[in-house]
Amino acid sequence: MHFLGHSTVRVELAGVTVLTDPLLTSRVGPLRRVVPPPAPETWAGVDLVLVSHLHGDHLHLPSLRRLGPDVRVAVPRGAGRWLRGRGVRDVVEVAPGESFTHGPLTVTAVPAAHSGHRWGPRLTHGPDTRAVGHLLEGGGSTVYVSGDTGLFDGMRELAGAALDIALLPVWGWGPSLGPGHLDPQQAAEAVARLRPRLAVPVHWGTLAVRGATALPRLGSRMRRLLTSPPHEFAAAVTARALPTRVAVTLPGNPVLLGTTA
């Protein structure tokens, strides 16, 4: 497993290489990477892409095109036609509760509490689907990829899957969070509901509005928010005496699955 930044994680499971919500470029819209883009070798050889929802920092067309037109891409049900019209050939659509297989790997879409509209929750035109998370099962292991989400009651049901690893967002890219996101304390509550063996904090430390870290007052807050959320999350999990280990991983680095950072 390799954390490439934001919500992009390379997961190698049951002989299948999976990439979650690929964001591989130095910018997306008004946002700039504050860490280097991932090296091509870190996203080479991908067999399957999982897209949790249609927002531009999760379904990023320039990044998908870097992977080539024949990589299989799983999207929320209802987005397939839109994506095929933009040159992605191999698309599978899944709604919560639906599964598909890719070789020995089984992927099941699960609910997520987040807007699925391409352009945000306040708009009604353009592509719109339900946001999803994913359960990956293969090789005797189960990985939960939450995508962007707030807390929801169904997280307790996912604990029945005996999760080995949960990829959980702990912040975003701005000075505050809108609805449908987890902050460090809420992510710790998600751990209490999910009970994974290992939690990997994602969706932090990668993107910011250009110049935001240099602004008076706001700049110091932004600099802190680019580094502190995963550590606050780990501390909150420890404070609650939860059995889950937390692997804090800097963007661009392998996840140390056997240790707690």
Protein backbone atom coordinates (compact mmCIF):
# COMPACT_ATOMS: atom_id res chain seq x y z
CA MET A 1 0.00 0.00 0.00
CA HIS A 2 1.31 3.43 -1.00
CA PHE A 3 -0.28 6.79 -0.06
CA LEU A 4 0.13 9.02 -3.12
CA GLY A 5 -1.62 12.04 -1.58
CA HIS A 6 -5.15 13.36 -1.10
CA SER A 7 -7.42 10.28 -1.51
CA THR A 8 -5.11 8.43 -3.88
CA VAL A 9 -3.77 5.16 -2.52
CA ARG A 10 -2.14 2.31 -4.40
CA VAL A 11 -3.38 -0.97 -2.93
CA GLU A 12 -1.91 -4.31 -3.96
CA LEU A 13 -4.26 -7.10 -2.87
CA ALA A 14 -4.73 -10.66 -4.13
CA GLY A 15 -2.41 -10.00 -7.06
CA VAL A 16 -4.47 -6.97 -8.23
CA THR A 17 -3.14 -3.40 -8.19
CA VAL A 18 -5.86 -0.90 -7.31
CA LEU A 19 -5.69 2.89 -7.38
CA THR A 20 -8.27 4.90 -5.42
CA ASP A 21 -9.56 8.28 -6.64
CA PRO A 22 -6.46 9.04 -8.76
CA LEU A 23 -5.11 12.56 -8.51
CA LEU A 24 -1.69 12.51 -10.16
CA THR A 25 -1.10 16.07 -11.36
CA SER A 26 0.31 19.20 -9.77
CA ARG A 27 -3.02 21.04 -9.75
CA VAL A 28 -6.77 20.57 -9.91
CA GLY A 29 -8.83 23.68 -10.63
CA PRO A 30 -7.75 26.44 -8.20
CA LEU A 31 -5.92 23.96 -5.96
CA ARG A 32 -2.19 23.33 -6.11
CA ARG A 33 -0.23 20.40 -4.72
CA VAL A 34 1.94 21.41 -1.77
CA VAL A 35 3.88 18.14 -2.13
CA PRO A 36 5.45 16.73 -5.31
CA PRO A 37 3.17 14.81 -7.71
CA PRO A 38 3.58 11.05 -7.42
CA ALA A 39 6.35 9.54 -9.52
CA PRO A 40 5.10 7.57 -12.54
CA GLU A 41 6.42 4.30 -11.14
CA THR A 42 4.07 4.63 -8.16
CA TRP A 43 1.02 4.45 -10.41
CA ALA A 44 2.40 2.17 -13.10
CA GLY A 45 0.81 -1.21 -13.70
CA VAL A 46 -2.59 -0.33 -12.26
CA ASP A 47 -5.26 -2.94 -12.99
CA LEU A 48 -8.32 -1.28 -11.46
CA VAL A 49 -9.34 2.25 -10.48
CA LEU A 50 -11.99 2.96 -7.83
CA VAL A 51 -13.78 6.31 -8.02
CA SER A 52 -15.86 7.15 -4.96
CA HIS A 53 -17.76 10.16 -6.35
CA LEU A 54 -17.72 12.68 -9.16
CA HIS A 55 -16.06 15.71 -7.59
CA GLY A 56 -13.11 16.94 -9.58
CA ASP A 57 -10.51 16.09 -6.93
CA HIS A 58 -11.70 12.45 -6.93
CA LEU A 59 -12.82 11.84 -10.50
CA HIS A 60 -9.99 13.75 -12.17
CA LEU A 61 -10.06 13.21 -15.91
CA PRO A 62 -6.45 14.31 -16.66
CA SER A 63 -5.21 11.79 -14.10
CA LEU A 64 -7.38 8.99 -15.48
CA ARG A 65 -6.02 9.69 -18.96
CA ARG A 66 -2.47 9.26 -17.66
CA LEU A 67 -3.36 5.69 -16.72
CA GLY A 68 -4.36 4.88 -20.30
CA PRO A 69 -7.74 4.21 -21.94
CA ASP A 70 -7.91 0.49 -21.14
CA VAL A 71 -7.59 0.53 -17.34
CA ARG A 72 -10.83 -0.64 -15.75
CA VAL A 73 -12.57 2.15 -13.81
CA ALA A 74 -15.34 1.55 -11.25
CA VAL A 75 -17.68 4.50 -10.74
CA PRO A 76 -20.95 5.06 -8.88
CA ARG A 77 -23.95 3.78 -10.80
CA GLY A 78 -25.19 6.43 -13.21
CA ALA A 79 -21.78 7.87 -14.14
CA GLY A 80 -20.76 5.30 -16.76
CA ARG A 81 -22.17 6.93 -19.85
CA TRP A 82 -20.73 10.32 -18.89
CA LEU A 83 -17.27 8.81 -18.36
CA ARG A 84 -17.31 6.69 -21.53
CA GLY A 85 -18.14 9.85 -23.45
CA ARG A 86 -14.83 11.24 -22.22
CA GLY A 87 -12.72 8.39 -23.55
CA VAL A 88 -12.67 5.86 -20.72
CA ARG A 89 -13.46 2.52 -22.36
CA ASP A 90 -13.70 -0.03 -19.56
CA VAL A 91 -16.20 1.25 -16.99
CA VAL A 92 -18.11 -0.72 -14.37
CA GLU A 93 -20.90 0.94 -12.40
CA VAL A 94 -21.83 -0.02 -8.84
CA ALA A 95 -24.38 1.23 -6.34
CA PRO A 96 -24.25 0.52 -2.59
CA GLY A 97 -24.76 -3.20 -2.01
CA GLU A 98 -23.59 -4.22 -5.49
CA SER A 99 -20.38 -6.18 -6.09
CA PHE A 100 -18.13 -7.15 -8.97
CA THR A 101 -14.98 -9.21 -9.30
CA HIS A 102 -11.66 -8.39 -10.88
CA GLY A 103 -9.68 -11.60 -11.01
CA PRO A 104 -9.50 -12.93 -7.44
CA LEU A 105 -10.56 -9.57 -5.96
CA THR A 106 -14.16 -8.83 -4.96
CA VAL A 107 -15.22 -5.18 -4.77
CA THR A 108 -18.44 -4.16 -3.04
CA ALA A 109 -19.81 -0.62 -3.09
CA VAL A 110 -21.00 0.63 0.29
CA PRO A 111 -22.79 3.84 1.34
CA ALA A 112 -21.06 7.17 1.89
CA ALA A 113 -22.54 10.32 3.42
CA HIS A 114 -21.37 12.85 0.84
CA SER A 115 -22.67 14.80 -2.14
CA GLY A 116 -22.23 12.90 -5.40
CA HIS A 117 -22.95 15.75 -7.82
CA ARG A 118 -20.09 16.61 -10.16
CA TRP A 119 -20.27 20.32 -9.42
CA GLY A 120 -21.28 20.24 -5.75
CA PRO A 121 -24.41 19.88 -3.60
CA ARG A 122 -25.96 23.23 -4.49
CA LEU A 123 -26.30 22.56 -8.21
CA THR A 124 -28.90 20.50 -10.02
CA HIS A 125 -27.60 20.38 -13.62
CA GLY A 126 -24.84 18.05 -14.76
CA PRO A 127 -23.96 14.47 -13.75
CA ASP A 128 -25.19 13.36 -10.36
CA THR A 129 -24.86 10.00 -8.59
CA ARG A 130 -24.69 8.62 -5.07
CA ALA A 131 -21.23 8.77 -3.52
CA VAL A 132 -19.90 5.38 -2.46
CA GLY A 133 -17.15 3.73 -0.49
CA HIS A 134 -15.68 0.33 -1.36
CA LEU A 135 -14.89 -2.92 0.38
CA LEU A 136 -12.02 -4.86 -1.19
CA GLU A 137 -11.83 -8.57 -0.35
CA GLY A 138 -9.17 -10.95 -1.55
CA GLY A 139 -6.19 -12.97 -0.46
CA GLY A 140 -7.71 -13.40 2.99
CA SER A 141 -7.81 -9.64 3.70
CA THR A 142 -10.51 -6.95 3.69
CA VAL A 143 -9.82 -3.26 3.04
CA TYR A 144 -12.40 -0.49 3.47
CA VAL A 145 -11.94 2.58 1.28
CA SER A 146 -14.40 5.15 2.58
CA GLY A 147 -14.02 7.89 -0.03
CA ASP A 148 -15.28 11.24 1.18
CA THR A 149 -17.91 10.70 3.84
CA GLY A 150 -19.41 11.96 7.03
CA LEU A 151 -20.39 9.63 9.84
CA PHE A 152 -23.33 7.31 9.17
CA ASP A 153 -24.99 4.52 11.15
CA GLY A 154 -24.13 1.88 8.55
CA MET A 155 -20.48 2.07 9.58
CA ARG A 156 -21.31 -0.28 12.44
CA GLU A 157 -22.60 -2.84 9.95
CA LEU A 158 -19.31 -2.66 8.04
CA ALA A 159 -17.51 -3.74 11.22
CA GLY A 160 -19.06 -7.17 10.61
CA ALA A 161 -16.76 -7.56 7.60
CA ALA A 162 -13.80 -7.92 10.01
CA LEU A 163 -11.85 -5.08 8.45
CA ASP A 164 -8.11 -5.41 8.26
CA ILE A 165 -7.48 -1.87 7.02
CA ALA A 166 -9.63 1.26 6.74
CA LEU A 167 -8.62 4.26 4.63
CA LEU A 168 -10.31 7.23 6.31
CA PRO A 169 -10.27 10.94 5.43
CA VAL A 170 -9.24 13.23 8.29
CA TRP A 171 -9.46 16.68 6.67
CA GLY A 172 -9.65 18.32 3.24
CA TRP A 173 -7.83 21.15 1.48
CA GLY A 174 -9.17 24.35 3.05
CA PRO A 175 -9.37 26.13 6.42
CA SER A 176 -12.73 24.53 7.18
CA LEU A 177 -14.78 21.48 6.26
CA GLY A 178 -18.19 21.39 4.62
CA PRO A 179 -20.79 18.68 5.19
CA GLY A 180 -19.94 15.13 4.27
CA HIS A 181 -16.37 15.14 5.59
CA LEU A 182 -14.58 13.79 8.64
CA ASP A 183 -12.35 15.85 10.90
CA PRO A 184 -9.85 14.05 13.17
CA GLN A 185 -12.30 13.56 16.04
CA GLN A 186 -15.07 12.35 13.74
CA ALA A 187 -12.63 10.01 12.02
CA ALA A 188 -11.83 8.55 15.46
CA GLU A 189 -15.55 7.97 15.98
CA ALA A 190 -15.61 6.21 12.60
CA VAL A 191 -12.84 3.93 13.89
CA ALA A 192 -14.93 3.18 16.98
CA ARG A 193 -17.79 2.09 14.72
CA LEU A 194 -15.72 0.21 12.13
CA ARG A 195 -13.17 -1.50 14.41
CA PRO A 196 -10.48 -2.05 11.74
CA ARG A 197 -7.19 -3.63 12.68
CA LEU A 198 -5.31 -0.72 11.06
CA ALA A 199 -6.44 2.77 10.03
CA VAL A 200 -4.66 4.90 7.42
CA PRO A 201 -5.54 8.63 7.44
CA VAL A 202 -5.94 10.13 3.96
CA HIS A 203 -7.36 13.30 2.36
CA TRP A 204 -4.88 15.62 4.04
CA GLY A 205 -1.56 17.37 3.46
CA THR A 206 -1.73 17.51 -0.33
CA LEU A 207 -3.76 20.42 -1.73
CA ALA A 208 -4.28 24.09 -0.94
CA VAL A 209 -5.42 27.21 -2.75
CA ARG A 210 -2.37 28.86 -4.24
CA GLY A 211 -0.89 31.37 -1.81
CA ALA A 212 -3.14 30.36 1.08
CA THR A 213 -0.25 29.39 3.34
CA ALA A 214 1.31 32.86 2.95
CA LEU A 215 -1.75 34.90 3.93
CA PRO A 216 -1.73 36.84 7.23
CA ARG A 217 -3.45 34.88 10.04
CA LEU A 218 -5.03 32.35 7.69
CA GLY A 219 -1.59 31.24 6.50
CA SER A 220 -0.52 29.91 9.89
CA ARG A 221 -3.79 27.99 10.24
CA MET A 222 -3.39 26.52 6.76
CA ARG A 223 0.18 25.44 7.46
CA ARG A 224 -1.01 23.66 10.60
CA LEU A 225 -3.91 22.01 8.78
CA LEU A 226 -1.54 20.62 6.18
CA THR A 227 0.32 18.62 8.83
CA SER A 228 -1.65 18.18 12.07
CA PRO A 229 -4.91 16.32 11.21
CA PRO A 230 -3.49 12.76 10.96
CA HIS A 231 -1.61 13.19 14.24
CA GLU A 232 -4.72 14.57 15.94
CA PHE A 233 -6.63 11.58 14.58
CA ALA A 234 -4.06 9.13 15.92
CA ALA A 235 -4.13 10.84 19.32
CA ALA A 236 -7.94 10.69 19.40
CA VAL A 237 -7.91 6.97 18.63
CA THR A 238 -5.40 6.42 21.42
CA ALA A 239 -7.36 8.57 23.88
CA ARG A 240 -10.43 6.41 23.31
CA ALA A 241 -8.40 3.25 24.01
CA LEU A 242 -9.48 1.76 20.71
CA PRO A 243 -7.62 -1.38 19.59
CA THR A 244 -7.01 -0.01 16.09
CA ARG A 245 -3.45 0.93 15.14
CA VAL A 246 -2.96 4.11 13.10
CA ALA A 247 -0.35 4.35 10.35
CA VAL A 248 0.30 8.05 9.73
CA THR A 249 1.93 8.19 6.30
CA LEU A 250 3.27 11.28 4.55
CA PRO A 251 1.99 11.81 1.00
CA GLY A 252 4.18 9.97 -1.48
CA ASN A 253 5.28 7.24 0.93
CA PRO A 254 4.61 3.54 1.42
CA VAL A 255 2.26 2.65 4.26
CA LEU A 256 4.04 0.69 6.97
CA LEU A 257 1.36 -1.92 7.50
CA GLY A 258 3.13 -3.68 10.35
CA THR A 259 3.79 -0.63 12.52
CA THR A 260 1.99 2.29 14.10
CA ALA A 261 3.35 5.74 13.29
